[in-house]
């Protein structure tokens, strides 16, 4: 009698009682029970495999979608749009199917565009940035950059999005002396990588989260849409030729994630035009500077400043020679001195620092924007009360 015949015969004598299993077990020998157990386990394994195969696409998407959803929730917690009345924050609907390439998460506009997105597939060994350099046998340094180009502009460096707090281990700090004798403390490549893999990357779905701040000068003057192209590049350079962003270094396309079109949210800012410009001078050069006003967003403040120095070169392309650079740098230092100590006061009495950040030049009309970057947390624009700068207090209705 075959196993199948024995199985059918056995079950034909069983009743649908609570003791059905015991009755069947009693009729089978120990050897038969072992064989039957193996057959049942195999059948269950095959059935489970079939289910997994049928649902593979859904499962793969669920993993990637779960990671993207968590990252999107982290961005929302960062902006707190409902609590802080941040109206220019938007979220994008996650795709209903597995998606390679670029997938948008969230965006925010303060005149420029801050964008959060994922790229996939990305291998774990490709989760690296410029400080994570490898030195080859011939002395060249190799590193990788993730660049975003907006409608034909040069590529801008994207950063790994690392939400939440993070504590580095003691051994992940390193101290070194620069060429000027200054002691510098930085994070080791191992420390950076550990954080990126924990906060920016999902190994199971090979998904990496990036963010980028695109200045207003890189966005279209007309219309509310911009097409962005995202790719990663391998760079090679000799240490003596290193720059912060070595666009002239030898490089090659590593991975192309494609293009995506983004609708720019309407900026949510309080624009302040001062009743009278705040005038200052530069003792190193002739001419005067004027603080004309400021644009305040939920994440920072941008000063509008005019410099009346016919020999200063504040064009978008920057200074053309050493003399131009020194003149422009002198004005930068002077402006920083004027803005030093400026604060924004809120209704609850808290203050936000409004100085000490990088310069950003806008056009050739000698009017510049000096953005402060990001405050540690967003503010409610309804709660601002006054702006203190250069010894003056400007009330904000």
Protein backbone atom coordinates (compact mmCIF):
# COMPACT_ATOMS: atom_id res chain seq x y z
CA UNK A 1 0.00 0.00 0.00
CA UNK A 2 1.36 3.37 -0.93
CA UNK A 3 1.61 6.31 1.47
CA UNK A 4 -1.17 8.06 -0.37
CA UNK A 5 -3.46 4.98 -0.16
CA UNK A 6 -2.62 4.50 3.51
CA UNK A 7 -3.33 8.18 4.18
CA UNK A 8 -6.72 8.08 2.42
CA UNK A 9 -7.69 4.83 4.10
CA UNK A 10 -6.71 6.13 7.51
CA UNK A 11 -8.67 9.37 7.17
CA UNK A 12 -11.74 7.55 5.75
CA UNK A 13 -12.27 5.97 9.19
CA UNK A 14 -11.93 9.17 11.21
CA UNK A 15 -14.82 11.21 12.48
CA UNK A 16 -14.82 14.99 12.98
CA UNK A 17 -14.36 14.64 16.72
CA UNK A 18 -12.13 16.38 19.21
CA UNK A 19 -9.99 13.27 19.33
CA UNK A 20 -9.46 12.95 15.60
CA UNK A 21 -5.77 13.65 15.83
CA UNK A 22 -5.23 11.07 18.57
CA UNK A 23 -7.14 8.44 16.56
CA UNK A 24 -4.96 9.04 13.51
CA UNK A 25 -1.76 8.96 15.54
CA UNK A 26 -2.69 5.65 17.13
CA UNK A 27 -3.16 4.04 13.72
CA UNK A 28 0.27 5.06 12.45
CA UNK A 29 3.51 3.45 13.43
CA UNK A 30 6.35 5.55 14.80
CA UNK A 31 8.14 5.30 11.46
CA UNK A 32 5.05 6.34 9.55
CA UNK A 33 4.49 9.27 11.93
CA UNK A 34 8.01 10.49 11.29
CA UNK A 35 7.53 10.21 7.55
CA UNK A 36 4.18 11.95 7.76
CA UNK A 37 5.65 14.75 9.91
CA UNK A 38 8.37 15.31 7.33
CA UNK A 39 5.79 15.40 4.55
CA UNK A 40 3.61 17.86 6.46
CA UNK A 41 6.57 20.12 7.28
CA UNK A 42 7.65 20.03 3.65
CA UNK A 43 4.12 20.83 2.49
CA UNK A 44 3.91 23.75 4.91
CA UNK A 45 7.32 25.03 3.77
CA UNK A 46 6.32 24.85 0.11
CA UNK A 47 3.00 26.54 0.85
CA UNK A 48 4.72 29.31 2.77
CA UNK A 49 7.25 29.76 -0.02
CA UNK A 50 4.42 30.03 -2.54
CA UNK A 51 2.75 32.70 -0.46
CA UNK A 52 6.01 34.63 -0.15
CA UNK A 53 6.63 34.38 -3.88
CA UNK A 54 3.14 35.61 -4.66
CA UNK A 55 3.53 38.50 -2.27
CA UNK A 56 7.19 39.29 -2.94
CA UNK A 57 6.50 42.59 -4.63
CA UNK A 58 4.18 43.70 -1.86
CA UNK A 59 6.63 42.59 0.82
CA UNK A 60 9.58 44.38 -0.80
CA UNK A 61 7.50 47.49 -1.11
CA UNK A 62 6.27 47.22 2.45
CA UNK A 63 9.87 47.24 3.69
CA UNK A 64 10.86 50.25 1.59
CA UNK A 65 7.59 52.02 2.23
CA UNK A 66 7.90 51.49 5.98
CA UNK A 67 11.35 53.05 5.97
CA UNK A 68 10.25 56.01 3.83
CA UNK A 69 7.23 56.53 6.05
CA UNK A 70 9.42 56.62 9.16
CA UNK A 71 11.75 59.13 7.52
CA UNK A 72 8.81 61.26 6.42
CA UNK A 73 7.44 61.23 9.97
CA UNK A 74 10.86 62.34 11.25
CA UNK A 75 10.84 65.33 8.88
CA UNK A 76 7.31 66.21 10.02
CA UNK A 77 8.41 66.10 13.65
CA UNK A 78 11.26 68.43 12.76
CA UNK A 79 8.94 71.07 11.27
CA UNK A 80 5.85 70.44 13.43
CA UNK A 81 3.61 72.12 10.83
CA UNK A 82 0.37 71.92 12.82
CA UNK A 83 1.81 73.14 16.11
CA UNK A 84 4.04 75.86 14.63
CA UNK A 85 1.69 76.93 11.80
CA UNK A 86 4.30 76.11 9.15
CA UNK A 87 2.20 76.54 6.03
CA UNK A 88 4.90 76.00 3.38
CA UNK A 89 5.70 72.45 4.50
CA UNK A 90 4.34 69.72 2.20
CA UNK A 91 4.49 65.93 2.15
CA UNK A 92 4.36 63.72 -0.91
CA UNK A 93 2.25 60.61 -1.19
CA UNK A 94 4.37 57.49 -1.15
CA UNK A 95 4.19 55.28 -4.20
CA UNK A 96 1.85 52.30 -4.15
CA UNK A 97 4.40 50.06 -5.88
CA UNK A 98 8.13 49.40 -5.45
CA UNK A 99 9.99 52.42 -6.78
CA UNK A 100 13.59 52.70 -7.88
CA UNK A 101 15.32 55.99 -8.49
CA UNK A 102 14.15 59.14 -6.69
CA UNK A 103 11.15 59.16 -4.34
CA UNK A 104 10.05 62.47 -2.77
CA UNK A 105 9.29 62.63 0.94
CA UNK A 106 8.80 66.26 1.99
CA UNK A 107 9.61 69.83 1.00
CA UNK A 108 9.76 73.24 2.63
CA UNK A 109 10.20 76.71 1.12
CA UNK A 110 11.71 79.76 2.76
CA UNK A 111 12.25 81.44 -0.61
CA UNK A 112 14.65 78.68 -1.50
CA UNK A 113 13.72 75.00 -1.41
CA UNK A 114 14.60 72.39 1.20
CA UNK A 115 13.90 68.92 -0.15
CA UNK A 116 13.90 65.47 1.46
CA UNK A 117 13.92 62.38 -0.74
CA UNK A 118 15.15 58.81 -1.08
CA UNK A 119 17.20 57.10 -3.76
CA UNK A 120 17.40 53.38 -4.42
CA UNK A 121 18.84 50.90 -4.95
CA UNK A 122 22.01 51.90 -3.10
CA UNK A 123 24.52 49.30 -1.94
CA UNK A 124 25.83 49.59 1.62
CA UNK A 125 29.38 50.25 0.40
CA UNK A 126 28.07 53.31 -1.47
CA UNK A 127 26.83 54.97 1.72
CA UNK A 128 29.76 57.39 1.95
CA UNK A 129 30.46 61.09 1.66
CA UNK A 130 33.43 63.34 0.98
CA UNK A 131 35.15 63.04 4.40
CA UNK A 132 35.11 59.26 4.00
CA UNK A 133 38.12 59.10 1.67
CA UNK A 134 40.22 56.16 0.56
CA UNK A 135 43.85 56.71 -0.43
CA UNK A 136 45.05 54.60 -3.34
CA UNK A 137 48.58 53.29 -3.92
CA UNK A 138 49.46 56.20 -6.21
CA UNK A 139 48.52 58.77 -3.55
CA UNK A 140 45.16 59.77 -4.99
CA UNK A 141 42.17 60.19 -2.68
CA UNK A 142 38.87 58.66 -3.71
CA UNK A 143 35.46 59.63 -2.39
CA UNK A 144 31.84 59.80 -3.50
CA UNK A 145 29.37 62.68 -3.79
CA UNK A 146 25.61 62.70 -4.26
CA UNK A 147 24.81 65.70 -6.48
CA UNK A 148 21.52 67.33 -7.45
CA UNK A 149 21.30 69.60 -10.50
CA UNK A 150 18.35 71.94 -10.99
CA UNK A 151 17.31 72.76 -14.56
CA UNK A 152 20.81 72.83 -15.98
CA UNK A 153 22.65 74.43 -13.06
CA UNK A 154 25.85 72.89 -11.70
CA UNK A 155 25.37 70.01 -9.32
CA UNK A 156 24.73 70.86 -5.68
CA UNK A 157 25.90 68.61 -2.88
CA UNK A 158 23.16 66.61 -1.14
CA UNK A 159 23.57 65.45 2.45
CA UNK A 160 22.52 62.25 4.18
CA UNK A 161 19.40 62.92 6.24
CA UNK A 162 20.10 61.96 9.87
CA UNK A 163 16.98 62.59 11.97
CA UNK A 164 16.99 62.61 15.73
CA UNK A 165 19.70 62.74 18.35
CA UNK A 166 22.92 60.76 18.03
CA UNK A 167 25.77 59.99 20.41
CA UNK A 168 29.18 59.18 19.00
CA UNK A 169 31.46 56.77 20.82
CA UNK A 170 34.66 58.20 22.38
CA UNK A 171 36.83 56.39 19.84
CA UNK A 172 34.86 58.01 16.98
CA UNK A 173 36.41 61.43 17.69
CA UNK A 174 39.81 62.34 16.29
CA UNK A 175 41.97 65.42 16.86
CA UNK A 176 44.53 66.71 14.37
CA UNK A 177 46.54 69.85 13.61
CA UNK A 178 45.85 71.78 10.40
CA UNK A 179 48.46 73.58 8.28
CA UNK A 180 48.06 76.73 10.39
CA UNK A 181 48.68 74.93 13.66
CA UNK A 182 45.04 74.91 14.76
CA UNK A 183 43.79 71.90 16.70
CA UNK A 184 40.75 70.42 14.96
CA UNK A 185 38.40 67.78 16.35
CA UNK A 186 36.29 65.83 13.90
CA UNK A 187 34.33 62.59 13.57
CA UNK A 188 36.10 59.56 12.14
CA UNK A 189 34.90 57.92 8.95
CA UNK A 190 33.82 54.91 11.01
CA UNK A 191 31.71 57.11 13.26
CA UNK A 192 30.06 58.88 10.34
CA UNK A 193 29.32 55.59 8.61
CA UNK A 194 27.76 54.07 11.74
CA UNK A 195 25.38 57.02 12.01
CA UNK A 196 24.49 57.03 8.31
CA UNK A 197 23.71 53.31 8.29
CA UNK A 198 21.56 53.69 11.42
CA UNK A 199 19.66 56.88 10.51
CA UNK A 200 19.86 57.40 6.74
CA UNK A 201 19.88 53.93 5.21
CA UNK A 202 17.69 50.84 5.08
CA UNK A 203 19.77 47.80 4.12
CA UNK A 204 16.84 45.47 3.40
CA UNK A 205 15.31 47.74 0.74
CA UNK A 206 18.66 49.40 -0.20
CA UNK A 207 17.12 52.84 0.29
CA UNK A 208 19.11 55.97 1.19
CA UNK A 209 17.59 59.23 2.48
CA UNK A 210 19.06 62.52 1.28
CA UNK A 211 18.27 66.19 1.84
CA UNK A 212 19.34 69.38 0.09
CA UNK A 213 18.83 73.11 0.40
CA UNK A 214 18.49 74.81 -2.99
CA UNK A 215 18.96 78.60 -2.91
CA UNK A 216 16.50 80.90 -4.64
CA UNK A 217 19.13 81.75 -7.28
CA UNK A 218 19.03 78.12 -8.50
CA UNK A 219 15.24 78.06 -8.81
CA UNK A 220 13.26 79.30 -11.83
CA UNK A 221 12.38 82.98 -11.80
CA UNK A 222 8.96 82.20 -13.26
CA UNK A 223 6.70 79.28 -12.48
CA UNK A 224 6.56 77.03 -9.44
CA UNK A 225 8.13 73.88 -10.86
CA UNK A 226 11.74 72.76 -11.03
CA UNK A 227 13.20 69.59 -12.52
CA UNK A 228 15.93 67.98 -10.47
CA UNK A 229 18.41 65.35 -11.59
CA UNK A 230 20.06 63.14 -8.95
CA UNK A 231 23.22 61.09 -9.41
CA UNK A 232 26.23 59.88 -7.46
CA UNK A 233 29.79 60.43 -8.70
CA UNK A 234 33.17 58.91 -7.95
CA UNK A 235 35.90 61.53 -7.44
CA UNK A 236 39.68 61.15 -7.52
CA UNK A 237 42.13 63.90 -6.59
CA UNK A 238 45.57 64.39 -5.16
CA UNK A 239 45.61 65.75 -1.58
CA UNK A 240 47.46 68.94 -2.56
CA UNK A 241 44.68 69.69 -5.07
CA UNK A 242 41.80 69.18 -2.63
CA UNK A 243 38.90 71.63 -2.49
CA UNK A 244 35.61 71.58 -0.62
CA UNK A 245 33.72 70.67 -3.77
CA UNK A 246 36.33 69.80 -6.40
CA UNK A 247 34.27 70.20 -9.56
CA UNK A 248 37.51 70.18 -11.57
CA UNK A 249 38.77 66.92 -10.05
CA UNK A 250 38.77 63.75 -12.08
CA UNK A 251 35.37 62.17 -11.65
CA UNK A 252 33.00 59.67 -13.21
CA UNK A 253 29.33 58.91 -12.97
CA UNK A 254 28.75 56.20 -10.38
CA UNK A 255 24.94 55.81 -10.41
CA UNK A 256 22.19 57.76 -12.15
CA UNK A 257 18.92 57.91 -10.20
CA UNK A 258 17.05 59.92 -12.83
CA UNK A 259 15.06 63.14 -12.78
CA UNK A 260 11.97 64.29 -10.97
CA UNK A 261 9.83 67.42 -11.20
CA UNK A 262 9.01 69.24 -7.96
CA UNK A 263 6.30 71.82 -7.38
CA UNK A 264 7.85 74.50 -5.16
CA UNK A 265 5.65 75.35 -2.17
CA UNK A 266 4.69 78.98 -1.73
CA UNK A 267 7.20 80.42 0.76
CA UNK A 268 5.88 81.20 4.21
CA UNK A 269 7.90 84.23 5.33
CA UNK A 270 7.49 87.56 7.13
CA UNK A 271 9.10 90.24 4.99
CA UNK A 272 10.36 93.25 6.95
CA UNK A 273 11.31 96.50 5.24
CA UNK A 274 13.01 98.73 7.78
CA UNK A 275 11.55 102.27 8.10
CA UNK A 276 15.10 103.59 7.64
CA UNK A 277 18.13 101.61 6.47
CA UNK A 278 20.73 100.81 9.11
CA UNK A 279 23.90 102.41 7.72
CA UNK A 280 27.44 101.22 8.41
CA UNK A 281 30.89 101.79 6.94
CA UNK A 282 33.94 99.67 6.22
CA UNK A 283 37.17 101.21 7.58
CA UNK A 284 39.26 99.27 5.06
CA UNK A 285 37.53 100.62 1.94
CA UNK A 286 35.41 103.53 0.86
CA UNK A 287 31.67 103.21 0.52
CA UNK A 288 28.86 102.41 2.89
CA UNK A 289 26.61 99.47 3.61
CA UNK A 290 22.90 99.50 4.37
CA UNK A 291 20.74 96.88 6.03
CA UNK A 292 17.45 97.29 4.16
CA UNK A 293 15.37 94.64 5.89
CA UNK A 294 15.00 90.94 6.50
CA UNK A 295 12.90 87.96 5.50
CA UNK A 296 11.99 85.69 8.42
CA UNK A 297 10.92 82.10 7.91
CA UNK A 298 10.12 79.31 10.35
CA UNK A 299 13.70 78.04 10.08
CA UNK A 300 15.89 81.13 9.76
CA UNK A 301 16.34 84.75 8.75
CA UNK A 302 17.80 86.28 5.59
CA UNK A 303 19.15 89.84 5.67
CA UNK A 304 18.84 92.16 2.67
CA UNK A 305 21.95 94.34 2.50
CA UNK A 306 23.18 96.85 -0.08
CA UNK A 307 26.86 97.72 -0.38
CA UNK A 308 27.67 101.02 -2.10
CA UNK A 309 31.24 100.30 -3.16
CA UNK A 310 31.76 100.65 -6.90
CA UNK A 311 34.95 98.56 -6.78
CA UNK A 312 33.46 95.65 -4.88
CA UNK A 313 32.44 92.64 -6.95
CA UNK A 314 29.41 90.96 -5.45
CA UNK A 315 28.28 89.28 -8.65
CA UNK A 316 27.00 85.72 -8.59
CA UNK A 317 30.27 84.45 -10.04
CA UNK A 318 32.21 86.02 -7.17
CA UNK A 319 35.55 87.88 -7.22
CA UNK A 320 37.77 87.47 -10.27
CA UNK A 321 41.17 87.93 -8.61
CA UNK A 322 43.02 88.23 -5.31
CA UNK A 323 42.36 91.95 -4.90
CA UNK A 324 38.66 91.45 -5.58
CA UNK A 325 38.58 88.57 -3.13
CA UNK A 326 40.28 90.56 -0.37
CA UNK A 327 37.91 93.48 -0.88
CA UNK A 328 34.86 91.27 -0.83
CA UNK A 329 36.16 89.31 2.17
CA UNK A 330 36.68 92.59 4.04
CA UNK A 331 33.04 93.53 3.48
CA UNK A 332 31.96 90.08 4.60
CA UNK A 333 33.80 90.52 7.88
CA UNK A 334 32.40 94.01 8.38
CA UNK A 335 28.84 92.84 7.74
CA UNK A 336 29.33 89.98 10.17
CA UNK A 337 30.49 92.47 12.79
CA UNK A 338 27.38 94.61 12.25
CA UNK A 339 25.03 91.64 12.51
CA UNK A 340 26.84 90.17 15.52
CA UNK A 341 24.57 89.92 18.53
CA UNK A 342 21.35 90.42 16.56
CA UNK A 343 18.41 88.42 17.90
CA UNK A 344 14.77 87.75 17.11
CA UNK A 345 12.47 87.94 20.13
CA UNK A 346 9.35 85.81 20.45
CA UNK A 347 6.16 86.31 22.46
CA UNK A 348 7.26 83.87 25.17
CA UNK A 349 10.49 85.80 25.75
CA UNK A 350 12.83 83.41 23.95
CA UNK A 351 15.45 84.75 21.55
CA UNK A 352 16.94 83.35 18.34
CA UNK A 353 20.42 84.30 17.17
CA UNK A 354 20.41 85.97 13.75
CA UNK A 355 24.05 86.28 12.73
CA UNK A 356 27.27 84.46 12.00
CA UNK A 357 26.39 82.46 8.89
CA UNK A 358 27.56 82.19 5.31
CA UNK A 359 27.16 84.84 2.62
CA UNK A 360 25.07 84.30 -0.47
CA UNK A 361 25.26 86.79 -3.33
CA UNK A 362 22.26 87.73 -5.43
CA UNK A 363 22.82 89.43 -8.78
CA UNK A 364 25.07 92.32 -9.80
CA UNK A 365 23.08 95.20 -8.28
CA UNK A 366 25.13 95.07 -5.04
CA UNK A 367 22.16 93.79 -3.03
CA UNK A 368 23.05 90.62 -1.21
CA UNK A 369 21.26 88.09 0.93
CA UNK A 370 22.92 86.87 4.11
CA UNK A 371 21.03 83.74 5.23
CA UNK A 372 21.41 82.53 8.78
CA UNK A 373 20.96 78.89 7.92
CA UNK A 374 18.82 76.91 10.34
CA UNK A 375 17.73 77.53 13.88
CA UNK A 376 17.86 74.45 16.10
CA UNK A 377 14.06 74.27 15.98
CA UNK A 378 11.36 75.96 13.94
CA UNK A 379 9.49 79.01 15.19
CA UNK A 380 5.89 80.13 14.86
CA UNK A 381 5.84 83.26 12.69
CA UNK A 382 2.75 84.42 14.59
CA UNK A 383 4.85 84.61 17.76
CA UNK A 384 7.64 86.97 16.63
CA UNK A 385 7.57 90.38 18.30
CA UNK A 386 10.77 92.32 17.57
CA UNK A 387 14.13 92.20 15.85
CA UNK A 388 17.24 93.62 17.54
CA UNK A 389 20.14 94.51 15.22
CA UNK A 390 23.05 96.96 15.42
CA UNK A 391 21.74 98.41 18.64
CA UNK A 392 18.27 99.12 17.28
CA UNK A 393 15.00 97.43 18.20
CA UNK A 394 12.52 97.04 15.35
CA UNK A 395 9.02 96.15 16.50
CA UNK A 396 7.17 93.61 14.39
CA UNK A 397 3.38 94.04 14.31
